[in-house]
Amino acid sequence: MNIFDSPWLTLLQEHRAIAVIRSPQMELGFQLAKAVAAGGMRLIEITWNSDRAGTLIAQLRSELPGCTIGTGTLLTLAQLKEAIADGAQFLFTPHTEETMIHAAVAAGIPIVPGALSPTEIVRGWQAGAGAVKVFPISAVGGAGYIKSLQAPLGDIPLIPTGGVTLDNAREFIEAGAVAVGLAGDLFPKQWVEARDWEAIAQRAHNLLQSLKSG
């Protein structure tokens, strides 16, 4: 089966970028999500260690019906089950844990475990992951590492995070990544402090433009 035959992987291939929001205040997280959505981003991750993450996910699903809202930084099976109950549409973990992967698969929710080595990447994929997060990508050579994985592991969809920026995001896609995850670089501190949602929306738009094929 082609790796893009699943709805989740089709979404990744279509949108190419996931906005990762870690917010100490729920209202701030809501505004950041609205800003990137206004810029055209349709895949939004609210990290589970954000303020009232489950409540925020439910609110965003209601108010941004055109977006797919998921969560990340899930460390335990209990957190994963709670996130599913709160309506998370996809799940990211910073590590590879088969029990969590199996639980997500059983619930029909795409899960993307974090991995770094080829062994971890294959382990997560074989356990049923919907893709594998290569994290932290900045620690292992960036886009060059993704490119080097293509020959042996080209059938496994990879999502690099932890060091992806607007300046290098396209390099990762060209190296073979199915999508990229961006956190801090999407939300410059001075713009967040100034509540300049329009500037953040434009930054999200610029990211998507840079990732378009051509």
N, C-alpha and C. Protein backbone atom coordinates (compact mmCIF):
# COMPACT_ATOMS: atom_id res chain seq x y z
N MET A 1 0.84 -1.20 0.00
CA MET A 1 0.00 0.00 0.00
C MET A 1 0.88 1.25 0.00
N ASN A 2 0.55 2.21 -0.80
CA ASN A 2 1.25 3.49 -0.79
C ASN A 2 1.09 4.17 0.55
N ILE A 3 2.16 4.79 1.06
CA ILE A 3 2.08 5.39 2.40
C ILE A 3 1.09 6.54 2.47
N PHE A 4 0.70 7.07 1.32
CA PHE A 4 -0.22 8.20 1.33
C PHE A 4 -1.67 7.77 1.12
N ASP A 5 -1.95 6.49 1.28
CA ASP A 5 -3.32 6.02 1.09
C ASP A 5 -4.21 6.31 2.30
N SER A 6 -3.63 6.62 3.45
CA SER A 6 -4.46 6.90 4.62
C SER A 6 -4.85 8.37 4.66
N PRO A 7 -6.02 8.69 5.20
CA PRO A 7 -6.44 10.10 5.29
C PRO A 7 -5.44 10.97 6.04
N TRP A 8 -4.84 10.44 7.12
CA TRP A 8 -3.88 11.21 7.90
C TRP A 8 -2.65 11.58 7.07
N LEU A 9 -2.12 10.60 6.34
CA LEU A 9 -0.93 10.89 5.56
C LEU A 9 -1.26 11.78 4.36
N THR A 10 -2.47 11.68 3.86
CA THR A 10 -2.89 12.59 2.80
C THR A 10 -2.92 14.02 3.32
N LEU A 11 -3.40 14.21 4.54
CA LEU A 11 -3.40 15.53 5.16
C LEU A 11 -1.97 16.07 5.30
N LEU A 12 -1.06 15.22 5.75
CA LEU A 12 0.32 15.65 5.91
C LEU A 12 0.93 16.05 4.57
N GLN A 13 0.68 15.25 3.57
CA GLN A 13 1.24 15.53 2.25
C GLN A 13 0.65 16.82 1.68
N GLU A 14 -0.61 17.07 1.96
CA GLU A 14 -1.28 18.25 1.42
C GLU A 14 -0.82 19.53 2.12
N HIS A 15 -0.68 19.48 3.45
CA HIS A 15 -0.43 20.71 4.21
C HIS A 15 1.04 20.92 4.59
N ARG A 16 1.77 19.85 4.77
CA ARG A 16 3.23 19.88 4.93
C ARG A 16 3.76 20.47 6.23
N ALA A 17 2.94 21.21 6.96
CA ALA A 17 3.45 21.85 8.18
C ALA A 17 2.45 21.76 9.31
N ILE A 18 2.97 21.53 10.51
CA ILE A 18 2.17 21.47 11.72
C ILE A 18 2.62 22.59 12.65
N ALA A 19 1.68 23.40 13.09
CA ALA A 19 1.98 24.45 14.07
C ALA A 19 1.92 23.84 15.46
N VAL A 20 3.01 23.94 16.20
CA VAL A 20 3.09 23.37 17.54
C VAL A 20 3.00 24.51 18.56
N ILE A 21 1.93 24.49 19.35
CA ILE A 21 1.66 25.58 20.30
C ILE A 21 1.79 25.06 21.72
N ARG A 22 2.70 25.68 22.46
CA ARG A 22 2.86 25.37 23.88
C ARG A 22 2.60 26.66 24.63
N SER A 23 1.47 26.73 25.32
CA SER A 23 1.07 28.00 25.91
C SER A 23 0.79 27.88 27.41
N PRO A 24 1.33 28.81 28.20
CA PRO A 24 1.07 28.79 29.64
C PRO A 24 -0.30 29.36 30.01
N GLN A 25 -0.99 29.94 29.02
CA GLN A 25 -2.32 30.51 29.26
C GLN A 25 -3.25 30.07 28.14
N MET A 26 -4.41 29.54 28.50
CA MET A 26 -5.30 28.99 27.49
C MET A 26 -5.73 30.03 26.46
N GLU A 27 -6.05 31.24 26.92
CA GLU A 27 -6.50 32.28 26.00
C GLU A 27 -5.41 32.64 25.00
N LEU A 28 -4.17 32.67 25.46
CA LEU A 28 -3.06 32.94 24.55
C LEU A 28 -2.93 31.82 23.52
N GLY A 29 -3.05 30.58 23.97
CA GLY A 29 -3.00 29.45 23.04
C GLY A 29 -4.09 29.53 21.99
N PHE A 30 -5.27 29.96 22.42
CA PHE A 30 -6.39 30.11 21.50
C PHE A 30 -6.08 31.16 20.44
N GLN A 31 -5.54 32.29 20.85
CA GLN A 31 -5.22 33.36 19.91
C GLN A 31 -4.10 32.94 18.94
N LEU A 32 -3.11 32.22 19.45
CA LEU A 32 -2.03 31.75 18.57
C LEU A 32 -2.56 30.78 17.53
N ALA A 33 -3.44 29.89 17.95
CA ALA A 33 -4.03 28.94 17.01
C ALA A 33 -4.87 29.66 15.96
N LYS A 34 -5.66 30.63 16.39
CA LYS A 34 -6.45 31.40 15.43
C LYS A 34 -5.56 32.14 14.44
N ALA A 35 -4.43 32.64 14.92
CA ALA A 35 -3.53 33.39 14.05
C ALA A 35 -2.94 32.50 12.96
N VAL A 36 -2.42 31.33 13.33
CA VAL A 36 -1.84 30.47 12.29
C VAL A 36 -2.92 29.93 11.35
N ALA A 37 -4.12 29.71 11.89
CA ALA A 37 -5.22 29.28 11.03
C ALA A 37 -5.57 30.37 10.02
N ALA A 38 -5.54 31.63 10.48
CA ALA A 38 -5.80 32.75 9.58
C ALA A 38 -4.75 32.81 8.48
N GLY A 39 -3.54 32.34 8.79
CA GLY A 39 -2.47 32.32 7.80
C GLY A 39 -2.54 31.12 6.87
N GLY A 40 -3.50 30.23 7.10
CA GLY A 40 -3.70 29.10 6.20
C GLY A 40 -3.29 27.76 6.74
N MET A 41 -2.73 27.70 7.93
CA MET A 41 -2.32 26.41 8.48
C MET A 41 -3.54 25.62 8.96
N ARG A 42 -3.54 24.35 8.67
CA ARG A 42 -4.71 23.52 8.98
C ARG A 42 -4.40 22.39 9.95
N LEU A 43 -3.13 22.19 10.29
CA LEU A 43 -2.74 21.17 11.25
C LEU A 43 -2.14 21.88 12.47
N ILE A 44 -2.81 21.78 13.60
CA ILE A 44 -2.41 22.52 14.80
C ILE A 44 -2.29 21.56 15.98
N GLU A 45 -1.12 21.57 16.60
CA GLU A 45 -0.88 20.74 17.78
C GLU A 45 -0.83 21.62 19.02
N ILE A 46 -1.64 21.30 20.00
CA ILE A 46 -1.59 21.93 21.31
C ILE A 46 -0.86 20.97 22.24
N THR A 47 0.30 21.35 22.73
CA THR A 47 1.03 20.42 23.57
C THR A 47 0.27 20.15 24.87
N TRP A 48 0.38 18.94 25.35
CA TRP A 48 -0.41 18.53 26.51
C TRP A 48 0.01 19.25 27.78
N ASN A 49 1.22 19.82 27.79
CA ASN A 49 1.65 20.58 28.97
C ASN A 49 1.29 22.05 28.85
N SER A 50 0.40 22.39 27.92
CA SER A 50 -0.16 23.74 27.85
C SER A 50 -1.26 23.88 28.90
N ASP A 51 -1.62 25.12 29.20
CA ASP A 51 -2.69 25.39 30.15
C ASP A 51 -4.01 24.85 29.63
N ARG A 52 -4.63 23.95 30.40
CA ARG A 52 -5.95 23.38 30.07
C ARG A 52 -6.01 22.90 28.61
N ALA A 53 -5.04 22.07 28.26
CA ALA A 53 -4.91 21.62 26.87
C ALA A 53 -6.18 20.96 26.34
N GLY A 54 -6.78 20.09 27.13
CA GLY A 54 -7.97 19.39 26.66
C GLY A 54 -9.12 20.33 26.37
N THR A 55 -9.32 21.30 27.24
CA THR A 55 -10.38 22.30 27.03
C THR A 55 -10.10 23.13 25.79
N LEU A 56 -8.85 23.50 25.60
CA LEU A 56 -8.47 24.30 24.42
C LEU A 56 -8.68 23.51 23.14
N ILE A 57 -8.32 22.24 23.14
CA ILE A 57 -8.52 21.41 21.96
C ILE A 57 -10.00 21.36 21.59
N ALA A 58 -10.85 21.15 22.57
CA ALA A 58 -12.30 21.11 22.31
C ALA A 58 -12.80 22.44 21.76
N GLN A 59 -12.30 23.54 22.32
CA GLN A 59 -12.72 24.86 21.86
C GLN A 59 -12.27 25.11 20.41
N LEU A 60 -11.04 24.73 20.11
CA LEU A 60 -10.53 24.95 18.75
C LEU A 60 -11.26 24.07 17.73
N ARG A 61 -11.57 22.86 18.12
CA ARG A 61 -12.33 22.00 17.20
C ARG A 61 -13.68 22.62 16.87
N SER A 62 -14.28 23.29 17.85
CA SER A 62 -15.57 23.93 17.63
C SER A 62 -15.44 25.19 16.78
N GLU A 63 -14.42 26.00 17.05
CA GLU A 63 -14.32 27.31 16.42
C GLU A 63 -13.47 27.32 15.16
N LEU A 64 -12.67 26.29 14.94
CA LEU A 64 -11.87 26.19 13.72
C LEU A 64 -12.18 24.86 13.03
N PRO A 65 -13.40 24.70 12.53
CA PRO A 65 -13.80 23.41 11.97
C PRO A 65 -13.00 23.00 10.74
N GLY A 66 -12.34 23.95 10.09
CA GLY A 66 -11.54 23.62 8.92
C GLY A 66 -10.16 23.10 9.25
N CYS A 67 -9.81 23.10 10.54
CA CYS A 67 -8.50 22.65 10.98
C CYS A 67 -8.59 21.28 11.64
N THR A 68 -7.47 20.59 11.65
CA THR A 68 -7.33 19.34 12.38
C THR A 68 -6.50 19.63 13.62
N ILE A 69 -7.09 19.40 14.79
CA ILE A 69 -6.48 19.80 16.05
C ILE A 69 -6.01 18.57 16.83
N GLY A 70 -4.73 18.53 17.10
CA GLY A 70 -4.19 17.40 17.85
C GLY A 70 -3.41 17.86 19.06
N THR A 71 -2.70 16.92 19.66
CA THR A 71 -1.90 17.26 20.83
C THR A 71 -0.57 16.53 20.78
N GLY A 72 0.35 16.98 21.62
CA GLY A 72 1.68 16.38 21.67
C GLY A 72 2.26 16.47 23.07
N THR A 73 3.52 16.07 23.17
CA THR A 73 4.20 15.98 24.46
C THR A 73 3.42 15.06 25.41
N LEU A 74 2.86 14.01 24.85
CA LEU A 74 2.18 12.99 25.65
C LEU A 74 3.22 12.01 26.16
N LEU A 75 3.29 11.87 27.48
CA LEU A 75 4.34 11.04 28.07
C LEU A 75 3.83 9.71 28.62
N THR A 76 2.54 9.63 28.91
CA THR A 76 2.00 8.42 29.54
C THR A 76 0.74 7.94 28.84
N LEU A 77 0.41 6.71 29.08
CA LEU A 77 -0.81 6.13 28.54
C LEU A 77 -2.04 6.85 29.08
N ALA A 78 -2.00 7.24 30.35
CA ALA A 78 -3.13 7.95 30.94
C ALA A 78 -3.35 9.29 30.24
N GLN A 79 -2.28 10.01 29.96
CA GLN A 79 -2.41 11.28 29.24
C GLN A 79 -2.98 11.06 27.84
N LEU A 80 -2.51 10.03 27.18
CA LEU A 80 -2.99 9.73 25.83
C LEU A 80 -4.50 9.45 25.84
N LYS A 81 -4.94 8.66 26.78
CA LYS A 81 -6.37 8.33 26.85
C LYS A 81 -7.21 9.58 27.16
N GLU A 82 -6.68 10.45 28.01
CA GLU A 82 -7.39 11.68 28.34
C GLU A 82 -7.47 12.59 27.10
N ALA A 83 -6.38 12.66 26.35
CA ALA A 83 -6.35 13.49 25.15
C ALA A 83 -7.36 12.99 24.12
N ILE A 84 -7.45 11.70 23.96
CA ILE A 84 -8.43 11.12 23.04
C ILE A 84 -9.85 11.46 23.50
N ALA A 85 -10.08 11.35 24.80
CA ALA A 85 -11.41 11.66 25.34
C ALA A 85 -11.76 13.13 25.14
N ASP A 86 -10.76 13.99 25.13
CA ASP A 86 -10.99 15.42 24.94
C ASP A 86 -11.10 15.81 23.47
N GLY A 87 -10.95 14.84 22.58
CA GLY A 87 -11.20 15.12 21.16
C GLY A 87 -9.98 15.37 20.30
N ALA A 88 -8.78 15.08 20.80
CA ALA A 88 -7.58 15.27 19.98
C ALA A 88 -7.68 14.41 18.72
N GLN A 89 -7.38 15.01 17.57
CA GLN A 89 -7.53 14.32 16.29
C GLN A 89 -6.24 13.68 15.80
N PHE A 90 -5.13 14.01 16.45
CA PHE A 90 -3.87 13.30 16.22
C PHE A 90 -3.03 13.45 17.48
N LEU A 91 -2.04 12.58 17.64
CA LEU A 91 -1.28 12.50 18.88
C LEU A 91 0.22 12.41 18.58
N PHE A 92 1.00 13.24 19.26
CA PHE A 92 2.45 13.18 19.15
C PHE A 92 3.04 12.83 20.51
N THR A 93 4.09 12.04 20.51
CA THR A 93 4.84 11.76 21.73
C THR A 93 6.31 12.08 21.45
N PRO A 94 7.08 12.45 22.48
CA PRO A 94 8.49 12.72 22.26
C PRO A 94 9.34 11.46 22.21
N HIS A 95 8.70 10.31 22.45
CA HIS A 95 9.44 9.06 22.55
C HIS A 95 8.63 7.95 21.86
N THR A 96 9.23 6.78 21.76
CA THR A 96 8.58 5.63 21.16
C THR A 96 8.19 4.64 22.25
N GLU A 97 6.90 4.46 22.43
CA GLU A 97 6.37 3.55 23.46
C GLU A 97 5.25 2.74 22.82
N GLU A 98 5.49 1.44 22.62
CA GLU A 98 4.54 0.61 21.89
C GLU A 98 3.15 0.58 22.53
N THR A 99 3.08 0.57 23.86
CA THR A 99 1.78 0.52 24.53
C THR A 99 0.92 1.72 24.14
N MET A 100 1.53 2.88 24.08
CA MET A 100 0.79 4.09 23.69
C MET A 100 0.39 4.04 22.22
N ILE A 101 1.29 3.57 21.40
CA ILE A 101 0.98 3.45 19.96
C ILE A 101 -0.20 2.51 19.75
N HIS A 102 -0.17 1.36 20.41
CA HIS A 102 -1.25 0.39 20.25
C HIS A 102 -2.59 0.95 20.72
N ALA A 103 -2.57 1.72 21.81
CA ALA A 103 -3.81 2.30 22.34
C ALA A 103 -4.39 3.30 21.35
N ALA A 104 -3.53 4.11 20.73
CA ALA A 104 -4.01 5.09 19.75
C ALA A 104 -4.56 4.39 18.51
N VAL A 105 -3.86 3.36 18.06
CA VAL A 105 -4.33 2.61 16.89
C VAL A 105 -5.69 1.98 17.18
N ALA A 106 -5.84 1.43 18.38
CA ALA A 106 -7.11 0.81 18.76
C ALA A 106 -8.24 1.82 18.77
N ALA A 107 -7.91 3.08 19.10
CA ALA A 107 -8.93 4.14 19.14
C ALA A 107 -9.14 4.78 17.78
N GLY A 108 -8.32 4.42 16.81
CA GLY A 108 -8.47 4.98 15.47
C GLY A 108 -7.94 6.39 15.32
N ILE A 109 -7.00 6.80 16.21
CA ILE A 109 -6.43 8.14 16.18
C ILE A 109 -4.98 8.05 15.72
N PRO A 110 -4.58 8.81 14.71
CA PRO A 110 -3.19 8.77 14.26
C PRO A 110 -2.22 9.17 15.37
N ILE A 111 -1.16 8.41 15.52
CA ILE A 111 -0.14 8.73 16.52
C ILE A 111 1.21 8.82 15.84
N VAL A 112 1.99 9.81 16.27
CA VAL A 112 3.32 10.05 15.70
C VAL A 112 4.32 10.04 16.86
N PRO A 113 5.00 8.91 17.07
CA PRO A 113 5.97 8.84 18.17
C PRO A 113 7.27 9.53 17.79
N GLY A 114 7.98 10.01 18.80
CA GLY A 114 9.28 10.60 18.58
C GLY A 114 10.36 9.54 18.55
N ALA A 115 11.32 9.72 17.65
CA ALA A 115 12.42 8.79 17.51
C ALA A 115 13.63 9.54 16.97
N LEU A 116 14.79 8.97 17.14
CA LEU A 116 16.00 9.61 16.63
C LEU A 116 16.82 8.66 15.79
N SER A 117 17.05 7.45 16.29
CA SER A 117 17.88 6.49 15.55
C SER A 117 17.03 5.69 14.57
N PRO A 118 17.67 5.09 13.55
CA PRO A 118 16.93 4.21 12.65
C PRO A 118 16.20 3.09 13.40
N THR A 119 16.79 2.56 14.44
CA THR A 119 16.15 1.49 15.22
C THR A 119 14.84 1.98 15.82
N GLU A 120 14.87 3.17 16.43
CA GLU A 120 13.65 3.72 17.03
C GLU A 120 12.61 4.04 15.98
N ILE A 121 13.04 4.58 14.85
CA ILE A 121 12.10 4.94 13.78
C ILE A 121 11.37 3.70 13.28
N VAL A 122 12.11 2.63 13.00
CA VAL A 122 11.50 1.39 12.51
C VAL A 122 10.60 0.78 13.58
N ARG A 123 11.05 0.84 14.81
CA ARG A 123 10.26 0.28 15.92
C ARG A 123 8.90 0.97 16.03
N GLY A 124 8.90 2.29 15.95
CA GLY A 124 7.64 3.03 16.03
C GLY A 124 6.73 2.74 14.86
N TRP A 125 7.29 2.70 13.67
CA TRP A 125 6.50 2.46 12.47
C TRP A 125 5.88 1.07 12.48
N GLN A 126 6.68 0.07 12.86
CA GLN A 126 6.18 -1.30 12.89
C GLN A 126 5.12 -1.51 13.96
N ALA A 127 5.12 -0.67 14.99
CA ALA A 127 4.11 -0.77 16.05
C ALA A 127 2.77 -0.19 15.63
N GLY A 128 2.76 0.53 14.50
CA GLY A 128 1.49 1.05 14.00
C GLY A 128 1.40 2.56 13.91
N ALA A 129 2.51 3.26 14.06
CA ALA A 129 2.49 4.72 14.01
C ALA A 129 1.99 5.23 12.67
N GLY A 130 1.34 6.41 12.71
CA GLY A 130 0.85 7.02 11.49
C GLY A 130 1.92 7.78 10.74
N ALA A 131 3.04 8.02 11.37
CA ALA A 131 4.25 8.64 10.85
C ALA A 131 5.20 8.62 12.04
N VAL A 132 6.44 9.03 11.83
CA VAL A 132 7.39 9.07 12.94
C VAL A 132 8.01 10.45 13.01
N LYS A 133 8.01 11.01 14.22
CA LYS A 133 8.63 12.31 14.46
C LYS A 133 10.12 12.12 14.72
N VAL A 134 10.96 12.76 13.91
CA VAL A 134 12.40 12.69 14.14
C VAL A 134 12.77 13.91 14.98
N PHE A 135 13.12 13.64 16.24
CA PHE A 135 13.27 14.71 17.23
C PHE A 135 14.37 14.38 18.23
N PRO A 136 15.21 15.36 18.57
CA PRO A 136 15.30 16.73 18.02
C PRO A 136 16.20 16.74 16.79
N ILE A 137 15.68 17.18 15.67
CA ILE A 137 16.40 17.07 14.40
C ILE A 137 17.66 17.92 14.40
N SER A 138 17.67 19.02 15.17
CA SER A 138 18.85 19.89 15.17
C SER A 138 20.07 19.19 15.77
N ALA A 139 19.85 18.15 16.55
CA ALA A 139 20.95 17.46 17.22
C ALA A 139 21.66 16.46 16.32
N VAL A 140 21.07 16.15 15.18
CA VAL A 140 21.63 15.09 14.33
C VAL A 140 21.87 15.53 12.90
N GLY A 141 22.09 16.82 12.69
CA GLY A 141 22.50 17.25 11.36
C GLY A 141 21.43 17.84 10.49
N GLY A 142 20.22 18.01 11.01
CA GLY A 142 19.18 18.68 10.24
C GLY A 142 18.73 17.92 9.01
N ALA A 143 18.52 18.64 7.91
CA ALA A 143 17.95 18.04 6.70
C ALA A 143 18.84 16.93 6.15
N GLY A 144 20.14 17.05 6.35
CA GLY A 144 21.05 16.01 5.86
C GLY A 144 20.75 14.65 6.48
N TYR A 145 20.31 14.64 7.73
CA TYR A 145 19.98 13.38 8.39
C TYR A 145 18.73 12.77 7.77
N ILE A 146 17.72 13.60 7.51
CA ILE A 146 16.51 13.10 6.86
C ILE A 146 16.85 12.52 5.49
N LYS A 147 17.70 13.21 4.75
CA LYS A 147 18.08 12.71 3.42
C LYS A 147 18.81 11.38 3.51
N SER A 148 19.67 11.24 4.51
CA SER A 148 20.44 10.01 4.64
C SER A 148 19.57 8.82 5.02
N LEU A 149 18.39 9.09 5.59
CA LEU A 149 17.48 8.01 5.98
C LEU A 149 16.63 7.50 4.81
N GLN A 150 16.60 8.24 3.71
CA GLN A 150 15.67 7.92 2.63
C GLN A 150 15.97 6.58 1.96
N ALA A 151 17.22 6.27 1.74
CA ALA A 151 17.53 5.01 1.04
C ALA A 151 17.05 3.79 1.82
N PRO A 152 17.39 3.67 3.11
CA PRO A 152 16.94 2.48 3.84
C PRO A 152 15.52 2.57 4.36
N LEU A 153 15.02 3.80 4.64
CA LEU A 153 13.74 3.95 5.34
C LEU A 153 12.76 4.84 4.57
N GLY A 154 12.90 4.88 3.26
CA GLY A 154 12.09 5.80 2.46
C GLY A 154 10.60 5.55 2.49
N ASP A 155 10.19 4.36 2.91
CA ASP A 155 8.76 4.05 2.97
C ASP A 155 8.12 4.50 4.29
N ILE A 156 8.92 5.04 5.20
CA ILE A 156 8.39 5.49 6.49
C ILE A 156 8.25 7.01 6.44
N PRO A 157 7.04 7.55 6.59
CA PRO A 157 6.86 9.01 6.58
C PRO A 157 7.47 9.64 7.83
N LEU A 158 8.34 10.61 7.63
CA LEU A 158 9.07 11.24 8.73
C LEU A 158 8.68 12.71 8.87
N ILE A 159 8.55 13.15 10.13
CA ILE A 159 8.20 14.54 10.44
C ILE A 159 9.28 15.09 11.37
N PRO A 160 10.25 15.82 10.85
CA PRO A 160 11.26 16.40 11.72
C PRO A 160 10.71 17.56 12.55
N THR A 161 11.13 17.64 13.80
CA THR A 161 10.79 18.75 14.68
C THR A 161 12.00 19.03 15.57
N GLY A 162 11.95 20.15 16.29
CA GLY A 162 13.04 20.47 17.19
C GLY A 162 14.22 21.05 16.45
N GLY A 163 14.01 22.21 15.86
CA GLY A 163 15.07 22.83 15.07
C GLY A 163 14.63 23.22 13.67
N VAL A 164 13.35 23.02 13.36
CA VAL A 164 12.81 23.44 12.06
C VAL A 164 12.43 24.92 12.14
N THR A 165 12.83 25.69 11.13
CA THR A 165 12.53 27.11 11.08
C THR A 165 11.95 27.47 9.71
N LEU A 166 11.48 28.70 9.58
CA LEU A 166 11.00 29.14 8.27
C LEU A 166 12.12 29.09 7.24
N ASP A 167 13.34 29.33 7.68
CA ASP A 167 14.46 29.37 6.75
C ASP A 167 14.86 27.99 6.25
N ASN A 168 14.67 26.95 7.05
CA ASN A 168 15.13 25.63 6.62
C ASN A 168 14.01 24.62 6.37
N ALA A 169 12.76 25.02 6.58
CA ALA A 169 11.65 24.06 6.46
C ALA A 169 11.61 23.39 5.09
N ARG A 170 11.79 24.18 4.04
CA ARG A 170 11.72 23.60 2.70
C ARG A 170 12.83 22.57 2.47
N GLU A 171 13.99 22.79 3.08
CA GLU A 171 15.09 21.83 2.94
C GLU A 171 14.67 20.45 3.44
N PHE A 172 13.91 20.42 4.51
CA PHE A 172 13.48 19.13 5.06
C PHE A 172 12.51 18.42 4.12
N ILE A 173 11.60 19.19 3.52
CA ILE A 173 10.66 18.58 2.57
C ILE A 173 11.42 18.05 1.35
N GLU A 174 12.35 18.84 0.87
CA GLU A 174 13.15 18.42 -0.29
C GLU A 174 14.02 17.21 0.05
N ALA A 175 14.39 17.06 1.31
CA ALA A 175 15.20 15.92 1.74
C ALA A 175 14.38 14.65 1.90
N GLY A 176 13.03 14.79 1.85
CA GLY A 176 12.19 13.60 1.92
C GLY A 176 11.19 13.56 3.05
N ALA A 177 11.18 14.56 3.92
CA ALA A 177 10.20 14.57 5.01
C ALA A 177 8.79 14.74 4.45
N VAL A 178 7.82 14.07 5.06
CA VAL A 178 6.44 14.20 4.61
C VAL A 178 5.84 15.52 5.07
N ALA A 179 6.33 16.02 6.22
CA ALA A 179 5.87 17.29 6.79
C ALA A 179 6.88 17.74 7.82
N VAL A 180 6.70 18.95 8.32
CA VAL A 180 7.57 19.47 9.36
C VAL A 180 6.72 20.04 10.50
N GLY A 181 7.29 20.06 11.69
CA GLY A 181 6.62 20.67 12.83
C GLY A 181 7.41 21.87 13.30
N LEU A 182 6.74 23.01 13.44
CA LEU A 182 7.40 24.24 13.89
C LEU A 182 6.73 24.74 15.16
N ALA A 183 7.56 25.13 16.11
CA ALA A 183 7.05 25.68 17.37
C ALA A 183 7.49 27.12 17.51
N GLY A 184 8.56 27.36 18.25
CA GLY A 184 8.96 28.72 18.59
C GLY A 184 9.20 29.63 17.41
N ASP A 185 9.73 29.10 16.31
CA ASP A 185 10.07 29.98 15.18
C ASP A 185 8.83 30.56 14.51
N LEU A 186 7.69 29.93 14.70
CA LEU A 186 6.44 30.48 14.15
C LEU A 186 5.92 31.65 14.98
N PHE A 187 6.38 31.73 16.22
CA PHE A 187 5.82 32.68 17.16
C PHE A 187 6.92 33.53 17.80
N PRO A 188 7.50 34.48 17.05
CA PRO A 188 8.54 35.33 17.62
C PRO A 188 8.05 35.98 18.92
N LYS A 189 8.92 35.94 19.92
CA LYS A 189 8.54 36.38 21.26
C LYS A 189 7.99 37.79 21.28
N GLN A 190 8.62 38.69 20.50
CA GLN A 190 8.17 40.08 20.53
C GLN A 190 6.77 40.23 19.95
N TRP A 191 6.42 39.40 18.98
CA TRP A 191 5.07 39.47 18.40
C TRP A 191 4.04 38.90 19.35
N VAL A 192 4.41 37.84 20.06
CA VAL A 192 3.49 37.26 21.05
C VAL A 192 3.24 38.26 22.16
N GLU A 193 4.30 38.89 22.65
CA GLU A 193 4.15 39.86 23.72
C GLU A 193 3.32 41.07 23.29
N ALA A 194 3.44 41.44 22.00
CA ALA A 194 2.69 42.58 21.48
C ALA A 194 1.29 42.18 21.02
N ARG A 195 0.98 40.88 21.11
CA ARG A 195 -0.31 40.35 20.63
C ARG A 195 -0.54 40.74 19.16
N ASP A 196 0.53 40.63 18.37
CA ASP A 196 0.45 40.98 16.95
C ASP A 196 0.05 39.73 16.17
N TRP A 197 -1.24 39.40 16.24
CA TRP A 197 -1.74 38.18 15.61
C TRP A 197 -1.62 38.26 14.08
N GLU A 198 -1.77 39.46 13.53
CA GLU A 198 -1.68 39.61 12.07
C GLU A 198 -0.28 39.26 11.57
N ALA A 199 0.73 39.67 12.31
CA ALA A 199 2.11 39.36 11.90
C ALA A 199 2.35 37.85 11.98
N ILE A 200 1.82 37.20 13.00
CA ILE A 200 1.97 35.74 13.12
C ILE A 200 1.22 35.04 12.00
N ALA A 201 0.03 35.52 11.66
CA ALA A 201 -0.72 34.94 10.54
C ALA A 201 0.07 35.07 9.24
N GLN A 202 0.70 36.20 9.03
CA GLN A 202 1.49 36.40 7.81
C GLN A 202 2.71 35.48 7.81
N ARG A 203 3.29 35.26 8.98
CA ARG A 203 4.43 34.35 9.07
C ARG A 203 4.02 32.92 8.72
N ALA A 204 2.86 32.52 9.20
CA ALA A 204 2.34 31.19 8.86
C ALA A 204 2.09 31.09 7.36
N HIS A 205 1.53 32.12 6.78
CA HIS A 205 1.28 32.15 5.33
C HIS A 205 2.60 32.04 4.57
N ASN A 206 3.62 32.77 5.02
CA ASN A 206 4.92 32.73 4.36
C ASN A 206 5.53 31.33 4.41
N LEU A 207 5.34 30.66 5.54
CA LEU A 207 5.84 29.30 5.67
C LEU A 207 5.20 28.40 4.62
N LEU A 208 3.89 28.45 4.54
CA LEU A 208 3.18 27.59 3.59
C LEU A 208 3.59 27.89 2.16
N GLN A 209 3.77 29.15 1.84
CA GLN A 209 4.21 29.51 0.49
C GLN A 209 5.56 28.91 0.17
N SER A 210 6.45 28.91 1.18
CA SER A 210 7.80 28.39 0.96
C SER A 210 7.80 26.88 0.74
N LEU A 211 6.76 26.21 1.24
CA LEU A 211 6.71 24.75 1.15
C LEU A 211 5.97 24.24 -0.09
N LYS A 212 5.34 25.15 -0.83
CA LYS A 212 4.63 24.72 -2.02
C LYS A 212 5.57 24.12 -3.03
N SER A 213 5.10 23.09 -3.70
CA SER A 213 5.95 22.42 -4.69
C SER A 213 6.30 23.37 -5.82
N GLY A 214 7.44 23.16 -6.37
CA GLY A 214 7.86 24.00 -7.48
C GLY A 214 9.37 24.05 -7.54
